[in-house]
Amino acid sequence: MAKKAAKKNIAMKILKKKKKLVRPADNAPVTRSGRKKTSGRKTTKKVLRKAGKSTIIHCMLAPTEEDILLLPTSVLAEVVDFQQPSPMDEAPSWLIGQFEWEKRQVPVFSFYALINGGDPGEISSRSKIMVIKSLSESGRVPYLGVLLSDLPRMTYVKEFDLEQTGDKSKSLGVFRRIRLEDQDAIIPDLDRLTHLITHAIYGALPITKLDD
């Protein structure tokens, strides 16, 4: 029980870290100039802390081709309709390319293809690109574009809501596999993902092994 509680606390810390970043408002608009958007100008209240109750974290459940990602809303920049990215020379199959967003080139990748070592497959008309902050200190890749199969939905997470399900394969880019509200989800490792994408674009960083 002690080990299970410790793992759950680590997962909550990952969702809570970088809480100084701007958080989108709960009533943020979904569209802007024909693009789907879930970010807003106003900020939400800071992580709630009430006496005798667990911390509540504002999160989103983002559907990829097969898996659902659980991320804090603080990392979300925008969700846009899918547009074909410009391909990159000698890029791995999971790195679809780059597209222009807010006057910058953002790399777009398939999380499912990355962790399973396959191809993204056919991209449907409902697909989206979720632009998130990479949380990278280097600044070379400040934003990442994640391929989604549909719009993400907002949710609130308390510490006792998360149930660890384990990851026997220790997939690259996965921090924890969890169950939330009877739904399996993945907390991605943004640091590792940024590392991999930076390496794929610039070829300047070694790909390290997963921690035991």
Protein backbone atom coordinates (compact mmCIF):
# COMPACT_ATOMS: atom_id res chain seq x y z
CA MET A 1 0.00 0.00 0.00
CA ALA A 2 2.87 2.38 0.85
CA LYS A 3 4.49 1.83 -2.57
CA LYS A 4 1.18 2.33 -4.36
CA ALA A 5 0.58 5.59 -2.46
CA ALA A 6 4.10 6.79 -3.29
CA LYS A 7 3.62 6.13 -7.03
CA LYS A 8 0.28 7.94 -6.95
CA ASN A 9 1.92 10.96 -5.28
CA ILE A 10 4.61 11.05 -7.99
CA ALA A 11 1.96 11.05 -10.72
CA MET A 12 0.14 13.93 -9.03
CA LYS A 13 3.40 15.89 -8.76
CA ILE A 14 3.97 15.49 -12.50
CA LEU A 15 0.50 16.90 -13.17
CA LYS A 16 1.01 19.73 -10.67
CA LYS A 17 4.54 20.83 -11.65
CA LYS A 18 4.98 24.04 -13.64
CA LYS A 19 1.84 25.38 -11.97
CA LYS A 20 3.15 28.91 -12.48
CA LEU A 21 2.34 28.64 -16.18
CA VAL A 22 -0.84 30.36 -17.39
CA ARG A 23 -3.87 28.13 -17.17
CA PRO A 24 -6.74 28.46 -19.68
CA ALA A 25 -10.07 29.63 -18.34
CA ASP A 26 -12.83 27.10 -17.66
CA ASN A 27 -15.13 29.04 -20.02
CA ALA A 28 -12.52 29.57 -22.74
CA PRO A 29 -13.81 29.74 -26.34
CA VAL A 30 -13.54 26.66 -28.54
CA THR A 31 -13.19 28.44 -31.89
CA ARG A 32 -11.21 31.32 -33.27
CA SER A 33 -11.02 32.21 -36.95
CA GLY A 34 -12.24 28.76 -37.96
CA ARG A 35 -9.82 26.94 -35.65
CA LYS A 36 -10.75 24.81 -32.68
CA LYS A 37 -9.41 26.33 -29.49
CA THR A 38 -9.55 25.46 -25.82
CA SER A 39 -7.16 28.08 -24.44
CA GLY A 40 -8.28 31.52 -23.23
CA ARG A 41 -6.97 34.90 -22.18
CA LYS A 42 -8.17 34.72 -18.63
CA THR A 43 -6.49 32.45 -16.15
CA THR A 44 -8.25 30.03 -13.88
CA LYS A 45 -7.79 30.00 -10.17
CA LYS A 46 -4.63 28.45 -8.85
CA VAL A 47 -4.66 24.82 -7.80
CA LEU A 48 -7.33 24.57 -5.16
CA ARG A 49 -6.38 23.65 -1.66
CA LYS A 50 -9.13 23.18 0.95
CA ALA A 51 -8.66 22.08 4.50
CA GLY A 52 -9.10 18.35 4.83
CA LYS A 53 -9.48 17.78 1.09
CA SER A 54 -7.07 16.62 -1.62
CA THR A 55 -5.62 19.03 -4.15
CA ILE A 56 -7.75 19.39 -7.26
CA ILE A 57 -5.88 19.69 -10.55
CA HIS A 58 -7.40 21.07 -13.74
CA CYS A 59 -6.57 18.53 -16.45
CA MET A 60 -7.62 17.38 -19.90
CA LEU A 61 -8.16 13.95 -21.39
CA ALA A 62 -6.79 14.06 -24.93
CA PRO A 63 -7.62 11.13 -27.30
CA THR A 64 -4.82 10.00 -29.60
CA GLU A 65 -5.22 7.25 -32.21
CA GLU A 66 -5.45 4.50 -29.57
CA ASP A 67 -4.56 5.94 -26.17
CA ILE A 68 -5.88 8.80 -24.06
CA LEU A 69 -3.40 11.28 -22.59
CA LEU A 70 -3.91 12.96 -19.23
CA LEU A 71 -2.27 16.39 -19.08
CA PRO A 72 -2.61 19.47 -16.86
CA THR A 73 -4.38 22.32 -18.65
CA SER A 74 -1.40 24.55 -17.81
CA VAL A 75 0.58 23.05 -20.72
CA LEU A 76 -2.18 23.57 -23.30
CA ALA A 77 -1.64 26.35 -25.85
CA GLU A 78 -4.29 25.60 -28.50
CA VAL A 79 -6.13 22.86 -30.35
CA VAL A 80 -6.51 23.35 -34.13
CA ASP A 81 -8.02 21.38 -36.98
CA PHE A 82 -5.53 19.03 -38.58
CA GLN A 83 -3.49 20.49 -41.42
CA GLN A 84 -0.87 18.48 -43.27
CA PRO A 85 2.54 19.33 -41.79
CA SER A 86 5.56 19.89 -44.00
CA PRO A 87 7.57 16.63 -44.02
CA MET A 88 11.10 16.57 -42.65
CA ASP A 89 14.06 14.81 -44.25
CA GLU A 90 15.16 11.58 -42.54
CA ALA A 91 12.63 12.03 -39.74
CA PRO A 92 11.29 8.94 -37.93
CA SER A 93 7.82 7.82 -39.00
CA TRP A 94 6.22 9.05 -35.77
CA LEU A 95 7.40 12.62 -36.48
CA ILE A 96 4.85 13.68 -39.11
CA GLY A 97 6.47 17.04 -39.87
CA GLN A 98 6.18 20.68 -38.88
CA PHE A 99 3.37 23.19 -39.31
CA GLU A 100 3.24 26.96 -38.85
CA TRP A 101 1.55 28.15 -35.69
CA GLU A 102 1.78 31.67 -34.28
CA LYS A 103 4.62 32.48 -36.74
CA ARG A 104 6.75 29.55 -35.61
CA GLN A 105 7.36 26.01 -36.83
CA VAL A 106 5.92 23.40 -34.46
CA PRO A 107 6.83 19.70 -34.80
CA VAL A 108 3.80 17.39 -35.05
CA PHE A 109 4.10 13.79 -33.85
CA SER A 110 1.97 10.72 -33.32
CA PHE A 111 2.20 9.62 -29.69
CA TYR A 112 0.74 6.23 -30.56
CA ALA A 113 3.31 5.62 -33.32
CA LEU A 114 6.16 6.78 -31.07
CA ILE A 115 5.45 4.45 -28.16
CA ASN A 116 4.55 1.49 -30.39
CA GLY A 117 7.29 1.90 -32.99
CA GLY A 118 4.89 1.97 -35.95
CA ASP A 119 3.38 4.41 -38.44
CA PRO A 120 0.68 6.98 -37.64
CA GLY A 121 -1.68 5.33 -40.11
CA GLU A 122 -4.59 7.04 -41.84
CA ILE A 123 -5.46 10.46 -40.43
CA SER A 124 -9.22 11.09 -40.29
CA SER A 125 -11.10 14.30 -41.03
CA ARG A 126 -11.88 14.66 -37.30
CA SER A 127 -8.21 14.71 -36.33
CA LYS A 128 -6.77 17.68 -34.46
CA ILE A 129 -3.37 19.01 -33.55
CA MET A 130 -2.95 19.87 -29.87
CA VAL A 131 -0.21 22.43 -29.36
CA ILE A 132 1.35 22.08 -25.91
CA LYS A 133 4.22 23.73 -24.10
CA SER A 134 7.21 21.41 -24.11
CA LEU A 135 8.51 22.73 -20.75
CA SER A 136 11.99 22.51 -22.25
CA GLU A 137 14.66 24.71 -20.69
CA SER A 138 16.72 24.82 -23.90
CA GLY A 139 14.08 26.73 -25.87
CA ARG A 140 14.93 24.94 -29.11
CA VAL A 141 11.56 23.23 -29.18
CA PRO A 142 9.25 25.36 -27.00
CA TYR A 143 6.05 23.79 -28.37
CA LEU A 144 4.98 20.32 -29.46
CA GLY A 145 2.10 19.37 -31.74
CA VAL A 146 0.36 16.15 -30.67
CA LEU A 147 -1.87 14.36 -33.18
CA LEU A 148 -5.35 13.80 -31.68
CA SER A 149 -8.28 11.80 -33.00
CA ASP A 150 -10.77 14.32 -31.57
CA LEU A 151 -11.08 17.28 -29.22
CA PRO A 152 -9.80 16.89 -25.65
CA ARG A 153 -12.20 17.28 -22.74
CA MET A 154 -11.59 19.00 -19.45
CA THR A 155 -11.64 17.12 -16.17
CA TYR A 156 -10.68 17.59 -12.53
CA VAL A 157 -8.31 15.19 -10.85
CA LYS A 158 -7.90 14.47 -7.17
CA GLU A 159 -5.12 12.37 -5.73
CA PHE A 160 -7.41 9.48 -4.80
CA ASP A 161 -8.88 9.44 -8.34
CA LEU A 162 -5.72 7.98 -9.88
CA GLU A 163 -5.17 4.23 -10.00
CA GLN A 164 -1.82 2.95 -11.23
CA THR A 165 -2.14 0.25 -13.91
CA GLY A 166 1.57 -0.29 -14.64
CA ASP A 167 3.59 -0.30 -17.86
CA LYS A 168 5.43 -3.59 -18.27
CA SER A 169 6.94 -2.52 -21.59
CA LYS A 170 8.24 0.77 -20.11
CA SER A 171 7.28 2.58 -23.28
CA LEU A 172 9.44 5.52 -24.29
CA GLY A 173 7.59 8.76 -23.60
CA VAL A 174 5.24 7.26 -20.99
CA PHE A 175 5.56 8.47 -17.41
CA ARG A 176 2.66 6.52 -15.91
CA ARG A 177 -0.29 4.45 -17.10
CA ILE A 178 -3.28 5.16 -14.90
CA ARG A 179 -7.01 4.61 -14.64
CA LEU A 180 -9.32 7.56 -14.08
CA GLU A 181 -13.10 7.30 -13.88
CA ASP A 182 -12.99 3.72 -15.19
CA GLN A 183 -10.97 4.91 -18.19
CA ASP A 184 -7.37 3.97 -18.93
CA ALA A 185 -5.07 6.90 -19.67
CA ILE A 186 -1.39 7.79 -19.96
CA ILE A 187 0.51 10.58 -18.25
CA PRO A 188 3.15 11.36 -20.89
CA ASP A 189 6.76 12.20 -20.07
CA LEU A 190 7.06 15.66 -21.65
CA ASP A 191 10.76 15.96 -20.82
CA ARG A 192 11.56 12.71 -22.63
CA LEU A 193 9.27 13.54 -25.56
CA THR A 194 10.93 16.93 -26.01
CA HIS A 195 14.32 15.25 -25.84
CA LEU A 196 13.35 12.73 -28.55
CA ILE A 197 11.82 15.34 -30.86
CA THR A 198 14.75 17.71 -30.46
CA HIS A 199 17.10 14.86 -31.33
CA ALA A 200 14.98 13.92 -34.38
CA ILE A 201 15.02 17.51 -35.67
CA TYR A 202 18.55 18.62 -34.86
CA GLY A 203 20.38 15.32 -34.37
CA ALA A 204 22.30 16.93 -31.54
CA LEU A 205 21.19 14.98 -28.49
CA PRO A 206 21.77 11.32 -27.59
CA ILE A 207 18.67 9.20 -26.92
CA THR A 208 19.03 7.97 -23.36
CA LYS A 209 17.71 4.72 -21.95
CA LEU A 210 14.65 4.51 -19.78
CA ASP A 211 15.11 4.51 -16.06
CA ASP A 212 14.70 1.16 -14.39
